[in-house]
Amino acid sequence: MSEEQVLSIEGLRMRYNGRYVLNGIDLEVNRGEMIGYIGPNGAGKSTTVKILLGLVEGYVGTVRIFGKDIADGDVEYKRRIGYVPEVAELYEQLTPAEYLTFTGELYGLSYEDADYKAKLLMDCFGLEKSYHSRIASFSKGMRQKVLLISALLHDPDLLFLDEPLSGLDANSVMVVKEILTRLSAKGTTIFYSSHIMDVVEKISSRIVLIAEGRVMADGTFRQLQQQSMEGSLEEVFNQLTGFNEHQAIAERFVSIVQEVY
């Protein structure tokens, strides 16, 4: 696998309402890496991804994707990117056939190629009979599968995923995890953000933990274990972010629930 650098972030800072949400992020990502990008709520994960996607301006620092500074105004790099947001508004009155061919054409595929690939990918997820049904009638899991297909239809070189397993059943979770593993092995770079620690622990080749707008840890799961002297990624996360109140909070919560008035 090539060690081609896909993503480079230097001194990234972003300020909202007088407070730095990102306060000096430095990160380099090579081709084929699967980065688990984790941190507590408000740590700056979503802001980082939105900057990388070109959705947010006003940051300080340098961001290079595929070797080019994204601040130069050339958005051509976006054709090589796929994105599954945590919350997405699908066009509910469209069918997957309409939505996916539209998305594919935006990324440069012909209508015929987009339609052909979309049908096959829907079939892989067991949704072939719903290809011409309105998305408004879909369950959350079905919608999530359509989103995943739309992000992968054009075979992106760089894939951003924000809670991509949301709403999926256990079998579908196994399928998607295997898809991501195989894509990574074939050279797709994956930037994976999730609060499901056991999934991040199992599929990530490298884990980047941020807190208070800074990188607190960066390495393989085993390296993070050694750094914190903890067992699971959840325990590593709690130790490195300084959060050790979960037991006390849970005990108080349960005591209130069970209190007799």
C-alpha atoms as a PDB file:
ATOM      1  CA  MET A   1       0.000   0.000   0.000  1.00  0.00           C
ATOM      2  CA  SER A   2       1.297   3.429  -0.946  1.00  0.00           C
ATOM      3  CA  GLU A   3       2.277   5.857   1.786  1.00  0.00           C
ATOM      4  CA  GLU A   4       0.797   8.705  -0.244  1.00  0.00           C
ATOM      5  CA  GLN A   5      -0.348  11.491   2.082  1.00  0.00           C
ATOM      6  CA  VAL A   6      -4.061  12.105   1.614  1.00  0.00           C
ATOM      7  CA  LEU A   7      -4.721  14.627   4.360  1.00  0.00           C
ATOM      8  CA  SER A   8      -2.568  17.137   6.226  1.00  0.00           C
ATOM      9  CA  ILE A   9      -3.723  19.525   8.973  1.00  0.00           C
ATOM     10  CA  GLU A  10      -1.342  22.085  10.473  1.00  0.00           C
ATOM     11  CA  GLY A  11      -2.155  24.405  13.380  1.00  0.00           C
ATOM     12  CA  LEU A  12      -5.912  24.239  12.806  1.00  0.00           C
ATOM     13  CA  ARG A  13      -7.838  26.681  14.977  1.00  0.00           C
ATOM     14  CA  MET A  14     -11.493  27.656  14.875  1.00  0.00           C
ATOM     15  CA  ARG A  15     -13.246  30.133  17.117  1.00  0.00           C
ATOM     16  CA  TYR A  16     -16.945  30.393  17.945  1.00  0.00           C
ATOM     17  CA  ASN A  17     -18.418  33.056  20.237  1.00  0.00           C
ATOM     18  CA  GLY A  18     -15.016  33.983  21.601  1.00  0.00           C
ATOM     19  CA  ARG A  19     -14.051  30.387  22.407  1.00  0.00           C
ATOM     20  CA  TYR A  20     -11.655  28.156  20.507  1.00  0.00           C
ATOM     21  CA  VAL A  21     -13.479  24.991  19.464  1.00  0.00           C
ATOM     22  CA  LEU A  22     -10.280  23.837  17.758  1.00  0.00           C
ATOM     23  CA  ASN A  23      -7.060  25.003  19.338  1.00  0.00           C
ATOM     24  CA  GLY A  24      -4.110  23.775  17.314  1.00  0.00           C
ATOM     25  CA  ILE A  25      -4.904  20.468  15.583  1.00  0.00           C
ATOM     26  CA  ASP A  26      -1.993  18.842  13.742  1.00  0.00           C
ATOM     27  CA  LEU A  27      -2.650  15.638  11.832  1.00  0.00           C
ATOM     28  CA  GLU A  28      -1.309  13.714   8.849  1.00  0.00           C
ATOM     29  CA  VAL A  29      -3.218  10.829   7.279  1.00  0.00           C
ATOM     30  CA  ASN A  30      -1.895   8.445   4.620  1.00  0.00           C
ATOM     31  CA  ARG A  31      -3.676   6.467   1.948  1.00  0.00           C
ATOM     32  CA  GLY A  32      -5.610   3.453   3.223  1.00  0.00           C
ATOM     33  CA  GLU A  33      -5.622   4.428   6.894  1.00  0.00           C
ATOM     34  CA  MET A  34      -8.849   4.021   8.852  1.00  0.00           C
ATOM     35  CA  ILE A  35      -8.823   6.820  11.414  1.00  0.00           C
ATOM     36  CA  GLY A  36     -11.105   6.559  14.420  1.00  0.00           C
ATOM     37  CA  TYR A  37     -11.670  10.227  15.311  1.00  0.00           C
ATOM     38  CA  ILE A  38     -13.143  10.348  18.804  1.00  0.00           C
ATOM     39  CA  GLY A  39     -13.706  12.764  21.652  1.00  0.00           C
ATOM     40  CA  PRO A  40     -16.367  14.000  24.074  1.00  0.00           C
ATOM     41  CA  ASN A  41     -19.269  16.164  22.890  1.00  0.00           C
ATOM     42  CA  GLY A  42     -18.033  19.654  22.080  1.00  0.00           C
ATOM     43  CA  ALA A  43     -14.447  18.509  21.528  1.00  0.00           C
ATOM     44  CA  GLY A  44     -14.427  19.752  17.936  1.00  0.00           C
ATOM     45  CA  LYS A  45     -14.935  16.536  15.944  1.00  0.00           C
ATOM     46  CA  SER A  46     -17.806  17.780  13.781  1.00  0.00           C
ATOM     47  CA  THR A  47     -16.149  21.161  13.279  1.00  0.00           C
ATOM     48  CA  THR A  48     -13.001  19.443  12.034  1.00  0.00           C
ATOM     49  CA  VAL A  49     -14.938  17.357   9.526  1.00  0.00           C
ATOM     50  CA  LYS A  50     -16.979  20.343   8.289  1.00  0.00           C
ATOM     51  CA  ILE A  51     -13.764  22.284   7.661  1.00  0.00           C
ATOM     52  CA  LEU A  52     -12.258  19.352   5.761  1.00  0.00           C
ATOM     53  CA  LEU A  53     -15.405  19.134   3.635  1.00  0.00           C
ATOM     54  CA  GLY A  54     -15.204  22.829   2.816  1.00  0.00           C
ATOM     55  CA  LEU A  55     -18.473  23.565   4.620  1.00  0.00           C
ATOM     56  CA  VAL A  56     -16.973  25.965   7.178  1.00  0.00           C
ATOM     57  CA  GLU A  57     -14.688  28.940   6.585  1.00  0.00           C
ATOM     58  CA  GLY A  58     -12.958  31.358   8.952  1.00  0.00           C
ATOM     59  CA  TYR A  59     -10.467  28.863  10.376  1.00  0.00           C
ATOM     60  CA  VAL A  60      -6.780  29.521  11.025  1.00  0.00           C
ATOM     61  CA  GLY A  61      -4.153  27.048   9.890  1.00  0.00           C
ATOM     62  CA  THR A  62      -3.530  24.950   6.797  1.00  0.00           C
ATOM     63  CA  VAL A  63      -5.583  22.052   5.476  1.00  0.00           C
ATOM     64  CA  ARG A  64      -4.293  20.061   2.513  1.00  0.00           C
ATOM     65  CA  ILE A  65      -6.278  17.279   0.871  1.00  0.00           C
ATOM     66  CA  PHE A  66      -4.637  15.256  -1.899  1.00  0.00           C
ATOM     67  CA  GLY A  67      -1.699  17.650  -1.598  1.00  0.00           C
ATOM     68  CA  LYS A  68      -3.649  20.854  -2.277  1.00  0.00           C
ATOM     69  CA  ASP A  69      -4.611  23.627   0.128  1.00  0.00           C
ATOM     70  CA  ILE A  70      -8.418  23.626   0.249  1.00  0.00           C
ATOM     71  CA  ALA A  71      -8.402  27.374   0.931  1.00  0.00           C
ATOM     72  CA  ASP A  72      -7.373  28.121  -2.677  1.00  0.00           C
ATOM     73  CA  GLY A  73     -11.007  27.910  -3.811  1.00  0.00           C
ATOM     74  CA  ASP A  74     -10.623  24.869  -6.057  1.00  0.00           C
ATOM     75  CA  VAL A  75     -13.381  22.430  -5.049  1.00  0.00           C
ATOM     76  CA  GLU A  76     -12.394  19.699  -7.501  1.00  0.00           C
ATOM     77  CA  TYR A  77     -11.087  17.597  -4.586  1.00  0.00           C
ATOM     78  CA  LYS A  78     -14.684  17.102  -3.438  1.00  0.00           C
ATOM     79  CA  ARG A  79     -15.315  14.737  -6.350  1.00  0.00           C
ATOM     80  CA  ARG A  80     -12.945  12.294  -4.627  1.00  0.00           C
ATOM     81  CA  ILE A  81     -14.674  12.496  -1.236  1.00  0.00           C
ATOM     82  CA  GLY A  82     -17.660  10.650   0.241  1.00  0.00           C
ATOM     83  CA  TYR A  83     -19.556  11.769   3.341  1.00  0.00           C
ATOM     84  CA  VAL A  84     -22.156  10.249   5.645  1.00  0.00           C
ATOM     85  CA  PRO A  85     -23.287  12.879   8.199  1.00  0.00           C
ATOM     86  CA  GLU A  86     -24.664  12.002  11.616  1.00  0.00           C
ATOM     87  CA  VAL A  87     -27.985  13.623  10.726  1.00  0.00           C
ATOM     88  CA  ALA A  88     -28.995  13.947   7.077  1.00  0.00           C
ATOM     89  CA  GLU A  89     -32.157  15.220   5.486  1.00  0.00           C
ATOM     90  CA  LEU A  90     -32.960  12.969   2.551  1.00  0.00           C
ATOM     91  CA  TYR A  91     -35.337  14.116  -0.162  1.00  0.00           C
ATOM     92  CA  GLU A  92     -38.222  12.019   1.116  1.00  0.00           C
ATOM     93  CA  GLN A  93     -40.420  12.412  -1.939  1.00  0.00           C
ATOM     94  CA  LEU A  94     -37.730  10.905  -4.145  1.00  0.00           C
ATOM     95  CA  THR A  95     -37.090   7.218  -4.627  1.00  0.00           C
ATOM     96  CA  PRO A  96     -33.605   5.730  -4.104  1.00  0.00           C
ATOM     97  CA  ALA A  97     -33.424   5.426  -7.912  1.00  0.00           C
ATOM     98  CA  GLU A  98     -33.949   9.181  -8.256  1.00  0.00           C
ATOM     99  CA  TYR A  99     -31.817  10.199  -5.293  1.00  0.00           C
ATOM    100  CA  LEU A 100     -28.839   7.952  -6.050  1.00  0.00           C
ATOM    101  CA  THR A 101     -28.668   8.724  -9.766  1.00  0.00           C
ATOM    102  CA  PHE A 102     -28.860  12.438  -8.910  1.00  0.00           C
ATOM    103  CA  THR A 103     -26.022  12.041  -6.371  1.00  0.00           C
ATOM    104  CA  GLY A 104     -23.964   9.965  -8.771  1.00  0.00           C
ATOM    105  CA  GLU A 105     -24.271  12.586 -11.517  1.00  0.00           C
ATOM    106  CA  LEU A 106     -23.156  15.299  -9.064  1.00  0.00           C
ATOM    107  CA  TYR A 107     -19.969  13.292  -8.551  1.00  0.00           C
ATOM    108  CA  GLY A 108     -19.385  12.928 -12.280  1.00  0.00           C
ATOM    109  CA  LEU A 109     -20.940   9.548 -13.076  1.00  0.00           C
ATOM    110  CA  SER A 110     -23.198   9.173 -16.079  1.00  0.00           C
ATOM    111  CA  TYR A 111     -26.869   8.522 -15.344  1.00  0.00           C
ATOM    112  CA  GLU A 112     -26.553   5.004 -16.755  1.00  0.00           C
ATOM    113  CA  ASP A 113     -23.512   4.114 -14.627  1.00  0.00           C
ATOM    114  CA  ALA A 114     -25.042   5.594 -11.479  1.00  0.00           C
ATOM    115  CA  ASP A 115     -28.305   3.715 -12.029  1.00  0.00           C
ATOM    116  CA  TYR A 116     -26.512   0.429 -12.751  1.00  0.00           C
ATOM    117  CA  LYS A 117     -24.278   0.621  -9.653  1.00  0.00           C
ATOM    118  CA  ALA A 118     -27.064   1.894  -7.395  1.00  0.00           C
ATOM    119  CA  LYS A 119     -29.311  -1.066  -8.273  1.00  0.00           C
ATOM    120  CA  LEU A 120     -26.537  -3.539  -7.497  1.00  0.00           C
ATOM    121  CA  LEU A 121     -25.620  -1.845  -4.222  1.00  0.00           C
ATOM    122  CA  MET A 122     -29.263  -1.701  -3.110  1.00  0.00           C
ATOM    123  CA  ASP A 123     -29.431  -5.430  -3.837  1.00  0.00           C
ATOM    124  CA  CYS A 124     -26.380  -6.026  -1.614  1.00  0.00           C
ATOM    125  CA  PHE A 125     -28.312  -4.465   1.257  1.00  0.00           C
ATOM    126  CA  GLY A 126     -31.467  -6.440   0.467  1.00  0.00           C
ATOM    127  CA  LEU A 127     -33.313  -3.356  -0.739  1.00  0.00           C
ATOM    128  CA  GLU A 128     -33.675  -4.194  -4.423  1.00  0.00           C
ATOM    129  CA  LYS A 129     -37.498  -4.253  -4.173  1.00  0.00           C
ATOM    130  CA  SER A 130     -37.509  -0.753  -2.644  1.00  0.00           C
ATOM    131  CA  TYR A 131     -35.434   0.889  -5.386  1.00  0.00           C
ATOM    132  CA  HIS A 132     -38.482   2.692  -6.807  1.00  0.00           C
ATOM    133  CA  SER A 133     -40.320   3.267  -3.497  1.00  0.00           C
ATOM    134  CA  ARG A 134     -40.556   6.688  -1.856  1.00  0.00           C
ATOM    135  CA  ILE A 135     -37.870   7.296   0.773  1.00  0.00           C
ATOM    136  CA  ALA A 136     -40.623   8.744   2.995  1.00  0.00           C
ATOM    137  CA  SER A 137     -41.809   5.170   3.608  1.00  0.00           C
ATOM    138  CA  PHE A 138     -38.365   3.920   4.710  1.00  0.00           C
ATOM    139  CA  SER A 139     -37.275   2.969   8.231  1.00  0.00           C
ATOM    140  CA  LYS A 140     -34.239   4.669   9.776  1.00  0.00           C
ATOM    141  CA  GLY A 141     -32.054   1.683   8.943  1.00  0.00           C
ATOM    142  CA  MET A 142     -33.158   1.695   5.303  1.00  0.00           C
ATOM    143  CA  ARG A 143     -32.440   5.408   5.031  1.00  0.00           C
ATOM    144  CA  GLN A 144     -29.006   4.880   6.514  1.00  0.00           C
ATOM    145  CA  LYS A 145     -28.228   2.262   3.884  1.00  0.00           C
ATOM    146  CA  VAL A 146     -29.253   4.687   1.126  1.00  0.00           C
ATOM    147  CA  LEU A 147     -26.938   7.308   2.653  1.00  0.00           C
ATOM    148  CA  LEU A 148     -24.054   4.833   2.743  1.00  0.00           C
ATOM    149  CA  ILE A 149     -24.645   3.906  -0.888  1.00  0.00           C
ATOM    150  CA  SER A 150     -24.776   7.578  -1.918  1.00  0.00           C
ATOM    151  CA  ALA A 151     -21.413   8.201  -0.221  1.00  0.00           C
ATOM    152  CA  LEU A 152     -19.737   5.207  -1.881  1.00  0.00           C
ATOM    153  CA  LEU A 153     -21.395   5.152  -5.312  1.00  0.00           C
ATOM    154  CA  HIS A 154     -18.554   7.082  -6.995  1.00  0.00           C
ATOM    155  CA  ASP A 155     -15.777   5.055  -5.302  1.00  0.00           C
ATOM    156  CA  PRO A 156     -14.253   7.932  -3.280  1.00  0.00           C
ATOM    157  CA  ASP A 157     -10.580   8.038  -2.297  1.00  0.00           C
ATOM    158  CA  LEU A 158     -11.429   9.675   1.042  1.00  0.00           C
ATOM    159  CA  LEU A 159     -14.510   8.788   3.077  1.00  0.00           C
ATOM    160  CA  PHE A 160     -15.863  10.736   6.060  1.00  0.00           C
ATOM    161  CA  LEU A 161     -18.282   8.847   8.299  1.00  0.00           C
ATOM    162  CA  ASP A 162     -20.122  10.355  11.282  1.00  0.00           C
ATOM    163  CA  GLU A 163     -21.973   7.642  13.246  1.00  0.00           C
ATOM    164  CA  PRO A 164     -22.496   5.573  10.060  1.00  0.00           C
ATOM    165  CA  LEU A 165     -24.017   2.573  11.882  1.00  0.00           C
ATOM    166  CA  SER A 166     -26.914   4.544  13.339  1.00  0.00           C
ATOM    167  CA  GLY A 167     -30.186   2.656  12.968  1.00  0.00           C
ATOM    168  CA  LEU A 168     -28.667  -0.476  11.416  1.00  0.00           C
ATOM    169  CA  ASP A 169     -29.561  -3.960  12.647  1.00  0.00           C
ATOM    170  CA  ALA A 170     -26.836  -6.321  13.917  1.00  0.00           C
ATOM    171  CA  ASN A 171     -26.412  -8.139  10.591  1.00  0.00           C
ATOM    172  CA  SER A 172     -26.117  -4.880   8.641  1.00  0.00           C
ATOM    173  CA  VAL A 173     -23.557  -3.577  11.142  1.00  0.00           C
ATOM    174  CA  MET A 174     -21.381  -6.627  10.449  1.00  0.00           C
ATOM    175  CA  VAL A 175     -21.724  -6.097   6.699  1.00  0.00           C
ATOM    176  CA  VAL A 176     -20.811  -2.394   6.870  1.00  0.00           C
ATOM    177  CA  LYS A 177     -17.821  -3.061   9.142  1.00  0.00           C
ATOM    178  CA  GLU A 178     -16.563  -5.643   6.650  1.00  0.00           C
ATOM    179  CA  ILE A 179     -17.133  -3.238   3.729  1.00  0.00           C
ATOM    180  CA  LEU A 180     -15.060  -0.554   5.468  1.00  0.00           C
ATOM    181  CA  THR A 181     -12.274  -3.008   6.280  1.00  0.00           C
ATOM    182  CA  ARG A 182     -12.080  -4.154   2.651  1.00  0.00           C
ATOM    183  CA  LEU A 183     -12.177  -0.597   1.289  1.00  0.00           C
ATOM    184  CA  SER A 184      -9.346   0.403   3.601  1.00  0.00           C
ATOM    185  CA  ALA A 185      -7.288  -2.612   2.510  1.00  0.00           C
ATOM    186  CA  LYS A 186      -7.752  -1.538  -1.117  1.00  0.00           C
ATOM    187  CA  GLY A 187      -6.520   2.009  -0.440  1.00  0.00           C
ATOM    188  CA  THR A 188      -9.583   4.038   0.550  1.00  0.00           C
ATOM    189  CA  THR A 189      -8.788   6.422   3.385  1.00  0.00           C
ATOM    190  CA  ILE A 190     -11.540   6.475   6.014  1.00  0.00           C
ATOM    191  CA  PHE A 191     -12.143   9.147   8.651  1.00  0.00           C
ATOM    192  CA  TYR A 192     -14.546   7.548  11.127  1.00  0.00           C
ATOM    193  CA  SER A 193     -16.204   9.459  13.957  1.00  0.00           C
ATOM    194  CA  SER A 194     -18.364   7.596  16.470  1.00  0.00           C
ATOM    195  CA  HIS A 195     -19.291   7.286  20.127  1.00  0.00           C
ATOM    196  CA  ILE A 196     -19.529   3.489  19.822  1.00  0.00           C
ATOM    197  CA  MET A 197     -16.124   2.724  21.293  1.00  0.00           C
ATOM    198  CA  ASP A 198     -16.040  -1.022  20.718  1.00  0.00           C
ATOM    199  CA  VAL A 199     -16.586  -0.502  16.962  1.00  0.00           C
ATOM    200  CA  VAL A 200     -13.880   2.178  16.753  1.00  0.00           C
ATOM    201  CA  GLU A 201     -11.546  -0.097  18.723  1.00  0.00           C
ATOM    202  CA  LYS A 202     -12.072  -3.046  16.390  1.00  0.00           C
ATOM    203  CA  ILE A 203     -11.982  -1.458  12.948  1.00  0.00           C
ATOM    204  CA  SER A 204      -9.582   1.495  13.259  1.00  0.00           C
ATOM    205  CA  SER A 205      -5.979   1.154  12.163  1.00  0.00           C
ATOM    206  CA  ARG A 206      -5.286   4.347  14.097  1.00  0.00           C
ATOM    207  CA  ILE A 207      -7.204   6.292  16.733  1.00  0.00           C
ATOM    208  CA  VAL A 208      -7.059  10.067  17.207  1.00  0.00           C
ATOM    209  CA  LEU A 209      -8.591  11.330  20.442  1.00  0.00           C
ATOM    210  CA  ILE A 210      -9.319  15.039  20.803  1.00  0.00           C
ATOM    211  CA  ALA A 211     -10.508  17.008  23.810  1.00  0.00           C
ATOM    212  CA  GLU A 212     -10.834  20.746  24.344  1.00  0.00           C
ATOM    213  CA  GLY A 213      -9.886  21.311  20.721  1.00  0.00           C
ATOM    214  CA  ARG A 214      -6.537  19.527  20.929  1.00  0.00           C
ATOM    215  CA  VAL A 215      -5.170  16.106  20.009  1.00  0.00           C
ATOM    216  CA  MET A 216      -4.773  14.240  23.303  1.00  0.00           C
ATOM    217  CA  ALA A 217      -3.667  10.896  21.835  1.00  0.00           C
ATOM    218  CA  ASP A 218      -2.781   9.521  18.410  1.00  0.00           C
ATOM    219  CA  GLY A 219      -1.826   5.924  17.690  1.00  0.00           C
ATOM    220  CA  THR A 220      -3.018   2.351  17.388  1.00  0.00           C
ATOM    221  CA  PHE A 221      -5.333   0.977  20.043  1.00  0.00           C
ATOM    222  CA  ARG A 222      -2.442  -0.932  21.621  1.00  0.00           C
ATOM    223  CA  GLN A 223      -0.333   2.236  21.742  1.00  0.00           C
ATOM    224  CA  LEU A 224      -3.148   4.128  23.450  1.00  0.00           C
ATOM    225  CA  GLN A 225      -3.550   1.260  25.911  1.00  0.00           C
ATOM    226  CA  GLN A 226       0.131   1.447  26.794  1.00  0.00           C
ATOM    227  CA  GLN A 227      -0.030   5.225  27.123  1.00  0.00           C
ATOM    228  CA  SER A 228      -2.925   5.150  29.580  1.00  0.00           C
ATOM    229  CA  MET A 229      -2.402   1.738  31.215  1.00  0.00           C
ATOM    230  CA  GLU A 230      -6.079   0.931  30.647  1.00  0.00           C
ATOM    231  CA  GLY A 231      -7.980  -1.959  29.039  1.00  0.00           C
ATOM    232  CA  SER A 232     -10.856  -1.152  26.681  1.00  0.00           C
ATOM    233  CA  LEU A 233     -11.006   1.925  24.457  1.00  0.00           C
ATOM    234  CA  GLU A 234     -13.825   3.227  26.639  1.00  0.00           C
ATOM    235  CA  GLU A 235     -11.523   3.045  29.668  1.00  0.00           C
ATOM    236  CA  VAL A 236      -8.670   4.624  27.705  1.00  0.00           C
ATOM    237  CA  PHE A 237     -11.035   7.390  26.585  1.00  0.00           C
ATOM    238  CA  ASN A 238     -12.175   8.116  30.141  1.00  0.00           C
ATOM    239  CA  GLN A 239      -8.623   8.132  31.479  1.00  0.00           C
ATOM    240  CA  LEU A 240      -7.199  10.406  28.772  1.00  0.00           C
ATOM    241  CA  THR A 241     -10.113  12.858  28.885  1.00  0.00           C
ATOM    242  CA  GLY A 242     -10.152  12.917  32.678  1.00  0.00           C
ATOM    243  CA  PHE A 243     -13.732  11.681  32.960  1.00  0.00           C
ATOM    244  CA  ASN A 244     -14.141   9.329  35.910  1.00  0.00           C
ATOM    245  CA  GLU A 245     -17.540  10.302  37.257  1.00  0.00           C
ATOM    246  CA  HIS A 246     -19.713   7.825  35.320  1.00  0.00           C
ATOM    247  CA  GLN A 247     -20.213   5.477  38.270  1.00  0.00           C
ATOM    248  CA  ALA A 248     -21.169   8.270  40.680  1.00  0.00           C
ATOM    249  CA  ILE A 249     -23.566   9.831  38.152  1.00  0.00           C
ATOM    250  CA  ALA A 250     -25.179   6.460  37.397  1.00  0.00           C
ATOM    251  CA  GLU A 251     -25.579   5.664  41.097  1.00  0.00           C
ATOM    252  CA  ARG A 252     -27.258   9.029  41.775  1.00  0.00           C
ATOM    253  CA  PHE A 253     -29.522   8.653  38.707  1.00  0.00           C
ATOM    254  CA  VAL A 254     -30.717   5.201  39.754  1.00  0.00           C
ATOM    255  CA  SER A 255     -31.267   6.309  43.347  1.00  0.00           C
ATOM    256  CA  ILE A 256     -33.525   9.136  42.134  1.00  0.00           C
ATOM    257  CA  VAL A 257     -35.433   6.777  39.807  1.00  0.00           C
ATOM    258  CA  GLN A 258     -36.035   4.299  42.610  1.00  0.00           C
ATOM    259  CA  GLU A 259     -36.813   6.818  45.334  1.00  0.00           C
ATOM    260  CA  VAL A 260     -40.246   6.329  46.870  1.00  0.00           C
ATOM    261  CA  TYR A 261     -42.338   9.450  47.451  1.00  0.00           C
END
